[in-house]
Amino acid sequence: MVDYAALGKRIKKLREDANMRQEDLAERCNCSISHIGQIEHARSIPSIDMLVNIANALEVSPDALLLESIDKPEDAYLRKIKDKLAVLPTATRIKVCESLDNLLGIIGELN
């Protein structure tokens, strides 16, 4: 089940992180400012098309908007990391993996 309040909060946060006003997002999504406000405050349920428009305007994947409603939100992050790694040269991928392994070791020691 979709948590529309969490969805609205995430859209607002991503919009603000992108230094966009509601007006800017509405223009990019070809909708009214009030519609964006209603979505952000969970007073309106966006259509699938609108969700995709918002995701495109914010330059994120639709699953990034729905993280709180996904059973395994970490899968969205893992896909994003995998995609970013895929375009790196092999030597850089290895360094990133080694760094991640070191970080996980540090985190494990802290717990």
PDB file of N, CA and C in Angstrom:
ATOM      1  N   MET A   1       0.838  -1.179   0.000  1.00  0.00           N
ATOM      2  CA  MET A   1       0.000   0.000   0.000  1.00  0.00           C
ATOM      3  C   MET A   1       0.887   1.248   0.000  1.00  0.00           C
ATOM      4  N   VAL A   2       0.525   2.216  -0.780  1.00  0.00           N
ATOM      5  CA  VAL A   2       1.312   3.438  -0.903  1.00  0.00           C
ATOM      6  C   VAL A   2       1.028   4.362   0.274  1.00  0.00           C
ATOM      7  N   ASP A   3       2.082   4.842   0.895  1.00  0.00           N
ATOM      8  CA  ASP A   3       1.986   5.836   1.967  1.00  0.00           C
ATOM      9  C   ASP A   3       2.056   7.211   1.291  1.00  0.00           C
ATOM     10  N   TYR A   4       0.895   7.792   1.015  1.00  0.00           N
ATOM     11  CA  TYR A   4       0.838   9.036   0.247  1.00  0.00           C
ATOM     12  C   TYR A   4       1.413  10.225   1.010  1.00  0.00           C
ATOM     13  N   ALA A   5       1.329  10.204   2.336  1.00  0.00           N
ATOM     14  CA  ALA A   5       1.943  11.278   3.125  1.00  0.00           C
ATOM     15  C   ALA A   5       3.459  11.225   2.971  1.00  0.00           C
ATOM     16  N   ALA A   6       4.029  10.019   3.053  1.00  0.00           N
ATOM     17  CA  ALA A   6       5.479   9.858   2.884  1.00  0.00           C
ATOM     18  C   ALA A   6       5.896  10.209   1.453  1.00  0.00           C
ATOM     19  N   LEU A   7       5.078   9.826   0.488  1.00  0.00           N
ATOM     20  CA  LEU A   7       5.354  10.155  -0.913  1.00  0.00           C
ATOM     21  C   LEU A   7       5.421  11.674  -1.090  1.00  0.00           C
ATOM     22  N   GLY A   8       4.444  12.379  -0.558  1.00  0.00           N
ATOM     23  CA  GLY A   8       4.415  13.834  -0.666  1.00  0.00           C
ATOM     24  C   GLY A   8       5.623  14.482  -0.011  1.00  0.00           C
ATOM     25  N   LYS A   9       5.986  13.984   1.172  1.00  0.00           N
ATOM     26  CA  LYS A   9       7.157  14.516   1.868  1.00  0.00           C
ATOM     27  C   LYS A   9       8.433  14.269   1.072  1.00  0.00           C
ATOM     28  N   ARG A  10       8.543  13.092   0.466  1.00  0.00           N
ATOM     29  CA  ARG A  10       9.740  12.774  -0.324  1.00  0.00           C
ATOM     30  C   ARG A  10       9.803  13.678  -1.555  1.00  0.00           C
ATOM     31  N   ILE A  11       8.670  13.873  -2.227  1.00  0.00           N
ATOM     32  CA  ILE A  11       8.649  14.759  -3.399  1.00  0.00           C
ATOM     33  C   ILE A  11       9.078  16.165  -2.981  1.00  0.00           C
ATOM     34  N   LYS A  12       8.533  16.652  -1.884  1.00  0.00           N
ATOM     35  CA  LYS A  12       8.888  17.994  -1.414  1.00  0.00           C
ATOM     36  C   LYS A  12      10.371  18.087  -1.103  1.00  0.00           C
ATOM     37  N   LYS A  13      10.916  17.088  -0.412  1.00  0.00           N
ATOM     38  CA  LYS A  13      12.333  17.105  -0.062  1.00  0.00           C
ATOM     39  C   LYS A  13      13.205  17.085  -1.312  1.00  0.00           C
ATOM     40  N   LEU A  14      12.890  16.199  -2.248  1.00  0.00           N
ATOM     41  CA  LEU A  14      13.675  16.122  -3.483  1.00  0.00           C
ATOM     42  C   LEU A  14      13.560  17.409  -4.291  1.00  0.00           C
ATOM     43  N   ARG A  15      12.375  17.997  -4.295  1.00  0.00           N
ATOM     44  CA  ARG A  15      12.176  19.272  -5.001  1.00  0.00           C
ATOM     45  C   ARG A  15      13.031  20.359  -4.364  1.00  0.00           C
ATOM     46  N   GLU A  16      12.992  20.432  -3.041  1.00  0.00           N
ATOM     47  CA  GLU A  16      13.780  21.446  -2.345  1.00  0.00           C
ATOM     48  C   GLU A  16      15.281  21.184  -2.510  1.00  0.00           C
ATOM     49  N   ASP A  17      15.686  19.915  -2.470  1.00  0.00           N
ATOM     50  CA  ASP A  17      17.097  19.575  -2.683  1.00  0.00           C
ATOM     51  C   ASP A  17      17.569  20.009  -4.066  1.00  0.00           C
ATOM     52  N   ALA A  18      16.652  20.006  -5.024  1.00  0.00           N
ATOM     53  CA  ALA A  18      16.967  20.435  -6.395  1.00  0.00           C
ATOM     54  C   ALA A  18      16.798  21.946  -6.572  1.00  0.00           C
ATOM     55  N   ASN A  19      16.563  22.652  -5.458  1.00  0.00           N
ATOM     56  CA  ASN A  19      16.356  24.105  -5.488  1.00  0.00           C
ATOM     57  C   ASN A  19      15.230  24.503  -6.437  1.00  0.00           C
ATOM     58  N   MET A  20      14.158  23.721  -6.387  1.00  0.00           N
ATOM     59  CA  MET A  20      12.983  24.010  -7.206  1.00  0.00           C
ATOM     60  C   MET A  20      11.853  24.510  -6.321  1.00  0.00           C
ATOM     61  N   ARG A  21      11.090  25.432  -6.875  1.00  0.00           N
ATOM     62  CA  ARG A  21       9.852  25.861  -6.237  1.00  0.00           C
ATOM     63  C   ARG A  21       8.732  24.961  -6.752  1.00  0.00           C
ATOM     64  N   GLN A  22       7.603  24.979  -6.080  1.00  0.00           N
ATOM     65  CA  GLN A  22       6.454  24.221  -6.579  1.00  0.00           C
ATOM     66  C   GLN A  22       6.118  24.666  -7.987  1.00  0.00           C
ATOM     67  N   GLU A  23       6.275  25.947  -8.254  1.00  0.00           N
ATOM     68  CA  GLU A  23       5.980  26.489  -9.576  1.00  0.00           C
ATOM     69  C   GLU A  23       6.871  25.839 -10.643  1.00  0.00           C
ATOM     70  N   ASP A  24       8.155  25.661 -10.291  1.00  0.00           N
ATOM     71  CA  ASP A  24       9.098  25.060 -11.240  1.00  0.00           C
ATOM     72  C   ASP A  24       8.719  23.612 -11.540  1.00  0.00           C
ATOM     73  N   LEU A  25       8.401  22.874 -10.481  1.00  0.00           N
ATOM     74  CA  LEU A  25       8.027  21.468 -10.666  1.00  0.00           C
ATOM     75  C   LEU A  25       6.727  21.360 -11.452  1.00  0.00           C
ATOM     76  N   ALA A  26       5.766  22.204 -11.129  1.00  0.00           N
ATOM     77  CA  ALA A  26       4.482  22.187 -11.842  1.00  0.00           C
ATOM     78  C   ALA A  26       4.691  22.460 -13.334  1.00  0.00           C
ATOM     79  N   GLU A  27       5.545  23.428 -13.634  1.00  0.00           N
ATOM     80  CA  GLU A  27       5.808  23.757 -15.032  1.00  0.00           C
ATOM     81  C   GLU A  27       6.433  22.560 -15.758  1.00  0.00           C
ATOM     82  N   ARG A  28       7.383  21.906 -15.109  1.00  0.00           N
ATOM     83  CA  ARG A  28       8.051  20.758 -15.738  1.00  0.00           C
ATOM     84  C   ARG A  28       7.115  19.563 -15.897  1.00  0.00           C
ATOM     85  N   CYS A  29       6.111  19.496 -15.022  1.00  0.00           N
ATOM     86  CA  CYS A  29       5.165  18.369 -15.072  1.00  0.00           C
ATOM     87  C   CYS A  29       3.891  18.712 -15.844  1.00  0.00           C
ATOM     88  N   ASN A  30       3.815  19.943 -16.335  1.00  0.00           N
ATOM     89  CA  ASN A  30       2.655  20.396 -17.092  1.00  0.00           C
ATOM     90  C   ASN A  30       1.358  20.252 -16.279  1.00  0.00           C
ATOM     91  N   CYS A  31       1.435  20.750 -15.037  1.00  0.00           N
ATOM     92  CA  CYS A  31       0.243  20.727 -14.187  1.00  0.00           C
ATOM     93  C   CYS A  31       0.204  22.018 -13.388  1.00  0.00           C
ATOM     94  N   SER A  32      -0.808  22.157 -12.556  1.00  0.00           N
ATOM     95  CA  SER A  32      -0.947  23.387 -11.773  1.00  0.00           C
ATOM     96  C   SER A  32      -0.082  23.324 -10.515  1.00  0.00           C
ATOM     97  N   ILE A  33       0.230  24.501 -10.018  1.00  0.00           N
ATOM     98  CA  ILE A  33       0.985  24.609  -8.770  1.00  0.00           C
ATOM     99  C   ILE A  33       0.180  23.983  -7.635  1.00  0.00           C
ATOM    100  N   SER A  34      -1.111  24.231  -7.634  1.00  0.00           N
ATOM    101  CA  SER A  34      -1.949  23.689  -6.557  1.00  0.00           C
ATOM    102  C   SER A  34      -1.959  22.161  -6.574  1.00  0.00           C
ATOM    103  N   HIS A  35      -1.855  21.559  -7.765  1.00  0.00           N
ATOM    104  CA  HIS A  35      -1.832  20.095  -7.844  1.00  0.00           C
ATOM    105  C   HIS A  35      -0.559  19.556  -7.181  1.00  0.00           C
ATOM    106  N   ILE A  36       0.580  20.212  -7.426  1.00  0.00           N
ATOM    107  CA  ILE A  36       1.826  19.799  -6.778  1.00  0.00           C
ATOM    108  C   ILE A  36       1.691  19.950  -5.264  1.00  0.00           C
ATOM    109  N   GLY A  37       1.135  21.050  -4.816  1.00  0.00           N
ATOM    110  CA  GLY A  37       0.920  21.269  -3.384  1.00  0.00           C
ATOM    111  C   GLY A  37       0.019  20.213  -2.771  1.00  0.00           C
ATOM    112  N   GLN A  38      -1.034  19.861  -3.495  1.00  0.00           N
ATOM    113  CA  GLN A  38      -1.957  18.833  -2.992  1.00  0.00           C
ATOM    114  C   GLN A  38      -1.260  17.470  -2.893  1.00  0.00           C
ATOM    115  N   ILE A  39      -0.410  17.159  -3.854  1.00  0.00           N
ATOM    116  CA  ILE A  39       0.337  15.890  -3.814  1.00  0.00           C
ATOM    117  C   ILE A  39       1.312  15.911  -2.645  1.00  0.00           C
ATOM    118  N   GLU A  40       2.031  17.018  -2.482  1.00  0.00           N
ATOM    119  CA  GLU A  40       3.012  17.112  -1.400  1.00  0.00           C
ATOM    120  C   GLU A  40       2.367  17.028  -0.017  1.00  0.00           C
ATOM    121  N   HIS A  41       1.115  17.450   0.085  1.00  0.00           N
ATOM    122  CA  HIS A  41       0.420  17.402   1.373  1.00  0.00           C
ATOM    123  C   HIS A  41      -0.560  16.228   1.467  1.00  0.00           C
ATOM    124  N   ALA A  42      -0.443  15.283   0.534  1.00  0.00           N
ATOM    125  CA  ALA A  42      -1.251  14.057   0.529  1.00  0.00           C
ATOM    126  C   ALA A  42      -2.753  14.335   0.466  1.00  0.00           C
ATOM    127  N   ARG A  43      -3.120  15.418  -0.196  1.00  0.00           N
ATOM    128  CA  ARG A  43      -4.539  15.732  -0.395  1.00  0.00           C
ATOM    129  C   ARG A  43      -5.023  15.247  -1.750  1.00  0.00           C
ATOM    130  N   SER A  44      -4.069  14.835  -2.592  1.00  0.00           N
ATOM    131  CA  SER A  44      -4.394  14.335  -3.922  1.00  0.00           C
ATOM    132  C   SER A  44      -3.472  13.159  -4.223  1.00  0.00           C
ATOM    133  N   ILE A  45      -4.030  12.146  -4.853  1.00  0.00           N
ATOM    134  CA  ILE A  45      -3.263  10.962  -5.226  1.00  0.00           C
ATOM    135  C   ILE A  45      -2.821  11.133  -6.678  1.00  0.00           C
ATOM    136  N   PRO A  46      -1.501  11.153  -6.905  1.00  0.00           N
ATOM    137  CA  PRO A  46      -1.036  11.338  -8.283  1.00  0.00           C
ATOM    138  C   PRO A  46      -1.265  10.099  -9.135  1.00  0.00           C
ATOM    139  N   SER A  47      -1.555  10.322 -10.397  1.00  0.00           N
ATOM    140  CA  SER A  47      -1.674   9.202 -11.336  1.00  0.00           C
ATOM    141  C   SER A  47      -0.277   8.636 -11.585  1.00  0.00           C
ATOM    142  N   ILE A  48      -0.228   7.470 -12.187  1.00  0.00           N
ATOM    143  CA  ILE A  48       1.061   6.868 -12.562  1.00  0.00           C
ATOM    144  C   ILE A  48       1.800   7.815 -13.507  1.00  0.00           C
ATOM    145  N   ASP A  49       1.082   8.379 -14.472  1.00  0.00           N
ATOM    146  CA  ASP A  49       1.708   9.317 -15.412  1.00  0.00           C
ATOM    147  C   ASP A  49       2.311  10.515 -14.680  1.00  0.00           C
ATOM    148  N   MET A  50       1.578  11.047 -13.709  1.00  0.00           N
ATOM    149  CA  MET A  50       2.075  12.200 -12.963  1.00  0.00           C
ATOM    150  C   MET A  50       3.285  11.811 -12.124  1.00  0.00           C
ATOM    151  N   LEU A  51       3.252  10.626 -11.529  1.00  0.00           N
ATOM    152  CA  LEU A  51       4.410  10.160 -10.757  1.00  0.00           C
ATOM    153  C   LEU A  51       5.652  10.073 -11.630  1.00  0.00           C
ATOM    154  N   VAL A  52       5.488   9.555 -12.833  1.00  0.00           N
ATOM    155  CA  VAL A  52       6.612   9.461 -13.774  1.00  0.00           C
ATOM    156  C   VAL A  52       7.069  10.858 -14.176  1.00  0.00           C
ATOM    157  N   ASN A  53       6.128  11.764 -14.419  1.00  0.00           N
ATOM    158  CA  ASN A  53       6.488  13.147 -14.757  1.00  0.00           C
ATOM    159  C   ASN A  53       7.280  13.803 -13.629  1.00  0.00           C
ATOM    160  N   ILE A  54       6.833  13.600 -12.411  1.00  0.00           N
ATOM    161  CA  ILE A  54       7.525  14.177 -11.255  1.00  0.00           C
ATOM    162  C   ILE A  54       8.924  13.571 -11.126  1.00  0.00           C
ATOM    163  N   ALA A  55       9.011  12.253 -11.262  1.00  0.00           N
ATOM    164  CA  ALA A  55      10.312  11.586 -11.178  1.00  0.00           C
ATOM    165  C   ALA A  55      11.260  12.120 -12.247  1.00  0.00           C
ATOM    166  N   ASN A  56      10.771  12.257 -13.463  1.00  0.00           N
ATOM    167  CA  ASN A  56      11.600  12.790 -14.546  1.00  0.00           C
ATOM    168  C   ASN A  56      12.033  14.224 -14.264  1.00  0.00           C
ATOM    169  N   ALA A  57      11.112  15.031 -13.775  1.00  0.00           N
ATOM    170  CA  ALA A  57      11.423  16.434 -13.487  1.00  0.00           C
ATOM    171  C   ALA A  57      12.463  16.552 -12.370  1.00  0.00           C
ATOM    172  N   LEU A  58      12.394  15.637 -11.415  1.00  0.00           N
ATOM    173  CA  LEU A  58      13.333  15.657 -10.289  1.00  0.00           C
ATOM    174  C   LEU A  58      14.600  14.846 -10.578  1.00  0.00           C
ATOM    175  N   GLU A  59      14.614  14.218 -11.763  1.00  0.00           N
ATOM    176  CA  GLU A  59      15.753  13.398 -12.202  1.00  0.00           C
ATOM    177  C   GLU A  59      16.054  12.270 -11.226  1.00  0.00           C
ATOM    178  N   VAL A  60      14.983  11.575 -10.817  1.00  0.00           N
ATOM    179  CA  VAL A  60      15.099  10.387  -9.969  1.00  0.00           C
ATOM    180  C   VAL A  60      14.224   9.296 -10.583  1.00  0.00           C
ATOM    181  N   SER A  61      14.396   8.091 -10.115  1.00  0.00           N
ATOM    182  CA  SER A  61      13.540   7.008 -10.586  1.00  0.00           C
ATOM    183  C   SER A  61      12.229   7.033  -9.796  1.00  0.00           C
ATOM    184  N   PRO A  62      11.158   6.501 -10.381  1.00  0.00           N
ATOM    185  CA  PRO A  62       9.893   6.466  -9.632  1.00  0.00           C
ATOM    186  C   PRO A  62      10.019   5.713  -8.307  1.00  0.00           C
ATOM    187  N   ASP A  63      10.845   4.663  -8.271  1.00  0.00           N
ATOM    188  CA  ASP A  63      10.981   3.936  -7.008  1.00  0.00           C
ATOM    189  C   ASP A  63      11.637   4.802  -5.936  1.00  0.00           C
ATOM    190  N   ALA A  64      12.440   5.780  -6.325  1.00  0.00           N
ATOM    191  CA  ALA A  64      13.031   6.700  -5.345  1.00  0.00           C
ATOM    192  C   ALA A  64      11.945   7.536  -4.666  1.00  0.00           C
ATOM    193  N   LEU A  65      10.856   7.783  -5.364  1.00  0.00           N
ATOM    194  CA  LEU A  65       9.742   8.526  -4.775  1.00  0.00           C
ATOM    195  C   LEU A  65       8.932   7.658  -3.819  1.00  0.00           C
ATOM    196  N   LEU A  66       8.966   6.365  -4.052  1.00  0.00           N
ATOM    197  CA  LEU A  66       8.094   5.442  -3.315  1.00  0.00           C
ATOM    198  C   LEU A  66       8.822   4.609  -2.263  1.00  0.00           C
ATOM    199  N   LEU A  67      10.024   5.008  -1.871  1.00  0.00           N
ATOM    200  CA  LEU A  67      10.845   4.184  -0.982  1.00  0.00           C
ATOM    201  C   LEU A  67      10.112   3.728   0.281  1.00  0.00           C
ATOM    202  N   GLU A  68       9.346   4.612   0.893  1.00  0.00           N
ATOM    203  CA  GLU A  68       8.660   4.246   2.133  1.00  0.00           C
ATOM    204  C   GLU A  68       7.557   3.207   1.905  1.00  0.00           C
ATOM    205  N   SER A  69       7.127   3.054   0.669  1.00  0.00           N
ATOM    206  CA  SER A  69       6.050   2.115   0.359  1.00  0.00           C
ATOM    207  C   SER A  69       6.564   0.805  -0.226  1.00  0.00           C
ATOM    208  N   ILE A  70       7.857   0.723  -0.474  1.00  0.00           N
ATOM    209  CA  ILE A  70       8.445  -0.479  -1.059  1.00  0.00           C
ATOM    210  C   ILE A  70       8.859  -1.425   0.061  1.00  0.00           C
ATOM    211  N   ASP A  71       8.571  -2.718  -0.100  1.00  0.00           N
ATOM    212  CA  ASP A  71       8.914  -3.698   0.925  1.00  0.00           C
ATOM    213  C   ASP A  71      10.410  -3.770   1.189  1.00  0.00           C
ATOM    214  N   LYS A  72      11.211  -3.651   0.149  1.00  0.00           N
ATOM    215  CA  LYS A  72      12.665  -3.704   0.295  1.00  0.00           C
ATOM    216  C   LYS A  72      13.273  -2.455  -0.335  1.00  0.00           C
ATOM    217  N   PRO A  73      13.218  -1.324   0.374  1.00  0.00           N
ATOM    218  CA  PRO A  73      13.714  -0.085  -0.220  1.00  0.00           C
ATOM    219  C   PRO A  73      15.198  -0.132  -0.548  1.00  0.00           C
ATOM    220  N   GLU A  74      15.939  -0.974   0.153  1.00  0.00           N
ATOM    221  CA  GLU A  74      17.371  -1.059  -0.136  1.00  0.00           C
ATOM    222  C   GLU A  74      17.637  -1.542  -1.553  1.00  0.00           C
ATOM    223  N   ASP A  75      16.697  -2.288  -2.137  1.00  0.00           N
ATOM    224  CA  ASP A  75      16.868  -2.754  -3.518  1.00  0.00           C
ATOM    225  C   ASP A  75      16.970  -1.580  -4.495  1.00  0.00           C
ATOM    226  N   ALA A  76      16.224  -0.519  -4.235  1.00  0.00           N
ATOM    227  CA  ALA A  76      16.289   0.658  -5.106  1.00  0.00           C
ATOM    228  C   ALA A  76      17.671   1.289  -5.032  1.00  0.00           C
ATOM    229  N   TYR A  77      18.217   1.379  -3.827  1.00  0.00           N
ATOM    230  CA  TYR A  77      19.557   1.938  -3.669  1.00  0.00           C
ATOM    231  C   TYR A  77      20.601   1.025  -4.317  1.00  0.00           C
ATOM    232  N   LEU A  78      20.448  -0.270  -4.142  1.00  0.00           N
ATOM    233  CA  LEU A  78      21.416  -1.201  -4.726  1.00  0.00           C
ATOM    234  C   LEU A  78      21.405  -1.132  -6.253  1.00  0.00           C
ATOM    235  N   ARG A  79      20.221  -0.997  -6.851  1.00  0.00           N
ATOM    236  CA  ARG A  79      20.136  -0.840  -8.310  1.00  0.00           C
ATOM    237  C   ARG A  79      20.828   0.440  -8.762  1.00  0.00           C
ATOM    238  N   LYS A  80      20.616   1.513  -8.008  1.00  0.00           N
ATOM    239  CA  LYS A  80      21.223   2.797  -8.352  1.00  0.00           C
ATOM    240  C   LYS A  80      22.748   2.699  -8.265  1.00  0.00           C
ATOM    241  N   ILE A  81      23.242   2.057  -7.213  1.00  0.00           N
ATOM    242  CA  ILE A  81      24.686   1.881  -7.058  1.00  0.00           C
ATOM    243  C   ILE A  81      25.230   1.001  -8.181  1.00  0.00           C
ATOM    244  N   LYS A  82      24.520  -0.067  -8.494  1.00  0.00           N
ATOM    245  CA  LYS A  82      24.961  -0.966  -9.569  1.00  0.00           C
ATOM    246  C   LYS A  82      25.059  -0.214 -10.896  1.00  0.00           C
ATOM    247  N   ASP A  83      24.070   0.616 -11.191  1.00  0.00           N
ATOM    248  CA  ASP A  83      24.080   1.388 -12.434  1.00  0.00           C
ATOM    249  C   ASP A  83      25.257   2.362 -12.475  1.00  0.00           C
ATOM    250  N   LYS A  84      25.533   2.997 -11.337  1.00  0.00           N
ATOM    251  CA  LYS A  84      26.655   3.935 -11.282  1.00  0.00           C
ATOM    252  C   LYS A  84      27.985   3.200 -11.447  1.00  0.00           C
ATOM    253  N   LEU A  85      28.105   2.024 -10.832  1.00  0.00           N
ATOM    254  CA  LEU A  85      29.341   1.242 -10.951  1.00  0.00           C
ATOM    255  C   LEU A  85      29.559   0.747 -12.380  1.00  0.00           C
ATOM    256  N   ALA A  86      28.484   0.423 -13.061  1.00  0.00           N
ATOM    257  CA  ALA A  86      28.575  -0.172 -14.394  1.00  0.00           C
ATOM    258  C   ALA A  86      29.300   0.721 -15.399  1.00  0.00           C
ATOM    259  N   VAL A  87      29.243   2.017 -15.218  1.00  0.00           N
ATOM    260  CA  VAL A  87      29.865   2.921 -16.182  1.00  0.00           C
ATOM    261  C   VAL A  87      31.311   3.272 -15.825  1.00  0.00           C
ATOM    262  N   LEU A  88      31.775   2.797 -14.678  1.00  0.00           N
ATOM    263  CA  LEU A  88      33.140   3.091 -14.247  1.00  0.00           C
ATOM    264  C   LEU A  88      34.133   2.106 -14.854  1.00  0.00           C
ATOM    265  N   PRO A  89      35.367   2.525 -15.031  1.00  0.00           N
ATOM    266  CA  PRO A  89      36.403   1.588 -15.472  1.00  0.00           C
ATOM    267  C   PRO A  89      36.624   0.516 -14.393  1.00  0.00           C
ATOM    268  N   THR A  90      37.084  -0.639 -14.796  1.00  0.00           N
ATOM    269  CA  THR A  90      37.247  -1.770 -13.889  1.00  0.00           C
ATOM    270  C   THR A  90      38.090  -1.410 -12.670  1.00  0.00           C
ATOM    271  N   ALA A  91      39.201  -0.742 -12.876  1.00  0.00           N
ATOM    272  CA  ALA A  91      40.083  -0.399 -11.755  1.00  0.00           C
ATOM    273  C   ALA A  91      39.356   0.485 -10.734  1.00  0.00           C
ATOM    274  N   THR A  92      38.548   1.396 -11.213  1.00  0.00           N
ATOM    275  CA  THR A  92      37.791   2.269 -10.313  1.00  0.00           C
ATOM    276  C   THR A  92      36.717   1.473  -9.579  1.00  0.00           C
ATOM    277  N   ARG A  93      36.051   0.563 -10.284  1.00  0.00           N
ATOM    278  CA  ARG A  93      35.037  -0.294  -9.629  1.00  0.00           C
ATOM    279  C   ARG A  93      35.670  -1.075  -8.493  1.00  0.00           C
ATOM    280  N   ILE A  94      36.852  -1.609  -8.731  1.00  0.00           N
ATOM    281  CA  ILE A  94      37.539  -2.388  -7.692  1.00  0.00           C
ATOM    282  C   ILE A  94      37.840  -1.501  -6.489  1.00  0.00           C
ATOM    283  N   LYS A  95      38.326  -0.286  -6.726  1.00  0.00           N
ATOM    284  CA  LYS A  95      38.617   0.636  -5.622  1.00  0.00           C
ATOM    285  C   LYS A  95      37.358   0.959  -4.832  1.00  0.00           C
ATOM    286  N   VAL A  96      36.265   1.189  -5.529  1.00  0.00           N
ATOM    287  CA  VAL A  96      34.996   1.489  -4.860  1.00  0.00           C
ATOM    288  C   VAL A  96      34.562   0.301  -4.004  1.00  0.00           C
ATOM    289  N   CYS A  97      34.660  -0.903  -4.552  1.00  0.00           N
ATOM    290  CA  CYS A  97      34.271  -2.104  -3.801  1.00  0.00           C
ATOM    291  C   CYS A  97      35.161  -2.300  -2.578  1.00  0.00           C
ATOM    292  N   GLU A  98      36.453  -2.057  -2.733  1.00  0.00           N
ATOM    293  CA  GLU A  98      37.368  -2.166  -1.591  1.00  0.00           C
ATOM    294  C   GLU A  98      37.037  -1.130  -0.524  1.00  0.00           C
ATOM    295  N   SER A  99      36.735   0.085  -0.955  1.00  0.00           N
ATOM    296  CA  SER A  99      36.366   1.138  -0.013  1.00  0.00           C
ATOM    297  C   SER A  99      35.078   0.786   0.720  1.00  0.00           C
ATOM    298  N   LEU A 100      34.111   0.268  -0.011  1.00  0.00           N
ATOM    299  CA  LEU A 100      32.850  -0.143   0.605  1.00  0.00           C
ATOM    300  C   LEU A 100      33.084  -1.270   1.610  1.00  0.00           C
ATOM    301  N   ASP A 101      33.927  -2.221   1.249  1.00  0.00           N
ATOM    302  CA  ASP A 101      34.249  -3.319   2.160  1.00  0.00           C
ATOM    303  C   ASP A 101      34.883  -2.777   3.442  1.00  0.00           C
ATOM    304  N   ASN A 102      35.798  -1.827   3.305  1.00  0.00           N
ATOM    305  CA  ASN A 102      36.430  -1.200   4.473  1.00  0.00           C
ATOM    306  C   ASN A 102      35.403  -0.468   5.331  1.00  0.00           C
ATOM    307  N   LEU A 103      34.516   0.267   4.682  1.00  0.00           N
ATOM    308  CA  LEU A 103      33.477   1.003   5.400  1.00  0.00           C
ATOM    309  C   LEU A 103      32.566   0.045   6.164  1.00  0.00           C
ATOM    310  N   LEU A 104      32.188  -1.044   5.529  1.00  0.00           N
ATOM    311  CA  LEU A 104      31.330  -2.027   6.201  1.00  0.00           C
ATOM    312  C   LEU A 104      32.045  -2.634   7.412  1.00  0.00           C
ATOM    313  N   GLY A 105      33.358  -2.814   7.277  1.00  0.00           N
ATOM    314  CA  GLY A 105      34.133  -3.317   8.407  1.00  0.00           C
ATOM    315  C   GLY A 105      34.125  -2.344   9.578  1.00  0.00           C
ATOM    316  N   ILE A 106      34.268  -1.061   9.276  1.00  0.00           N
ATOM    317  CA  ILE A 106      34.234  -0.035  10.306  1.00  0.00           C
ATOM    318  C   ILE A 106      32.869   0.006  10.975  1.00  0.00           C
ATOM    319  N   ILE A 107      31.816  -0.047  10.168  1.00  0.00           N
ATOM    320  CA  ILE A 107      30.459  -0.033  10.706  1.00  0.00           C
ATOM    321  C   ILE A 107      30.233  -1.249  11.595  1.00  0.00           C
ATOM    322  N   GLY A 108      30.726  -2.406  11.155  1.00  0.00           N
ATOM    323  CA  GLY A 108      30.597  -3.625  11.949  1.00  0.00           C
ATOM    324  C   GLY A 108      31.295  -3.507  13.298  1.00  0.00           C
ATOM    325  N   GLU A 109      32.440  -2.839  13.315  1.00  0.00           N
ATOM    326  CA  GLU A 109      33.182  -2.648  14.566  1.00  0.00           C
ATOM    327  C   GLU A 109      32.454  -1.700  15.500  1.00  0.00           C
ATOM    328  N   LEU A 110      31.684  -0.765  14.925  1.00  0.00           N
ATOM    329  CA  LEU A 110      30.956   0.199  15.763  1.00  0.00           C
ATOM    330  C   LEU A 110      29.740  -0.431  16.433  1.00  0.00           C
ATOM    331  N   ASN A 111      29.223  -1.507  15.832  1.00  0.00           N
ATOM    332  CA  ASN A 111      28.016  -2.134  16.392  1.00  0.00           C
ATOM    333  C   ASN A 111      28.334  -3.086  17.461  1.00  0.00           C
TER     334      ASN A 111
END
